[in-house]
């Protein structure tokens, strides 16, 4: 029983480290300013283009 609890604790610790690494181990000073704004505009333009010229249905 103790081994199962230790294994579960170890798995949770590894999960927490993976989440921390993916969330906080990026750029030294965080994201670049305006980066999200440019990405949103790019996606909006792609969405408009796809609505104007829908792919042919087969």
Protein backbone atom coordinates (compact mmCIF):
# COMPACT_ATOMS: atom_id res chain seq x y z
CA UNK A 1 0.00 0.00 0.00
CA UNK A 2 2.82 2.39 0.84
CA UNK A 3 4.51 1.69 -2.49
CA UNK A 4 1.31 2.56 -4.38
CA UNK A 5 0.99 5.86 -2.49
CA UNK A 6 4.64 6.73 -3.15
CA UNK A 7 4.19 5.92 -6.83
CA UNK A 8 1.07 8.11 -7.03
CA UNK A 9 2.91 10.94 -5.25
CA UNK A 10 5.81 10.61 -7.67
CA UNK A 11 3.45 10.71 -10.66
CA UNK A 12 1.77 13.85 -9.30
CA UNK A 13 5.16 15.46 -8.73
CA UNK A 14 6.20 14.70 -12.31
CA UNK A 15 2.90 16.08 -13.60
CA UNK A 16 3.35 19.27 -11.57
CA UNK A 17 6.89 19.70 -12.93
CA UNK A 18 5.69 19.23 -16.52
CA UNK A 19 2.92 21.81 -16.03
CA UNK A 20 5.33 24.26 -14.39
CA UNK A 21 7.89 23.78 -17.15
CA UNK A 22 5.39 24.39 -19.95
CA UNK A 23 3.83 27.43 -18.28
CA UNK A 24 6.74 29.30 -16.73
CA UNK A 25 10.00 28.23 -18.38
CA UNK A 26 9.66 30.37 -21.50
CA UNK A 27 11.27 33.69 -22.34
CA UNK A 28 13.27 35.46 -19.65
CA UNK A 29 11.05 38.55 -19.74
CA UNK A 30 7.80 36.86 -20.70
CA UNK A 31 6.03 37.15 -24.04
CA UNK A 32 6.92 39.89 -26.46
CA UNK A 33 4.58 42.92 -26.25
CA UNK A 34 1.96 42.93 -28.95
CA UNK A 35 2.68 39.32 -29.94
CA UNK A 36 -0.86 38.17 -29.17
CA UNK A 37 -2.40 41.12 -31.01
CA UNK A 38 -0.52 40.26 -34.20
CA UNK A 39 -1.48 36.59 -33.94
CA UNK A 40 -5.16 37.49 -33.47
CA UNK A 41 -5.13 39.74 -36.54
CA UNK A 42 -3.46 37.02 -38.58
CA UNK A 43 -6.11 34.47 -37.58
CA UNK A 44 -8.91 36.92 -38.34
CA UNK A 45 -7.52 37.57 -41.82
CA UNK A 46 -7.23 33.84 -42.47
CA UNK A 47 -10.81 33.35 -41.29
CA UNK A 48 -12.11 36.09 -43.59
CA UNK A 49 -10.22 34.65 -46.55
CA UNK A 50 -11.57 31.18 -45.94
CA UNK A 51 -15.15 32.52 -45.75
CA UNK A 52 -14.80 34.47 -49.02
CA UNK A 53 -13.39 31.51 -50.97
CA UNK A 54 -14.73 28.31 -49.44
CA UNK A 55 -13.09 25.09 -50.62
CA UNK A 56 -14.97 23.19 -53.32
CA UNK A 57 -17.26 20.46 -52.09
CA UNK A 58 -16.72 17.04 -53.58
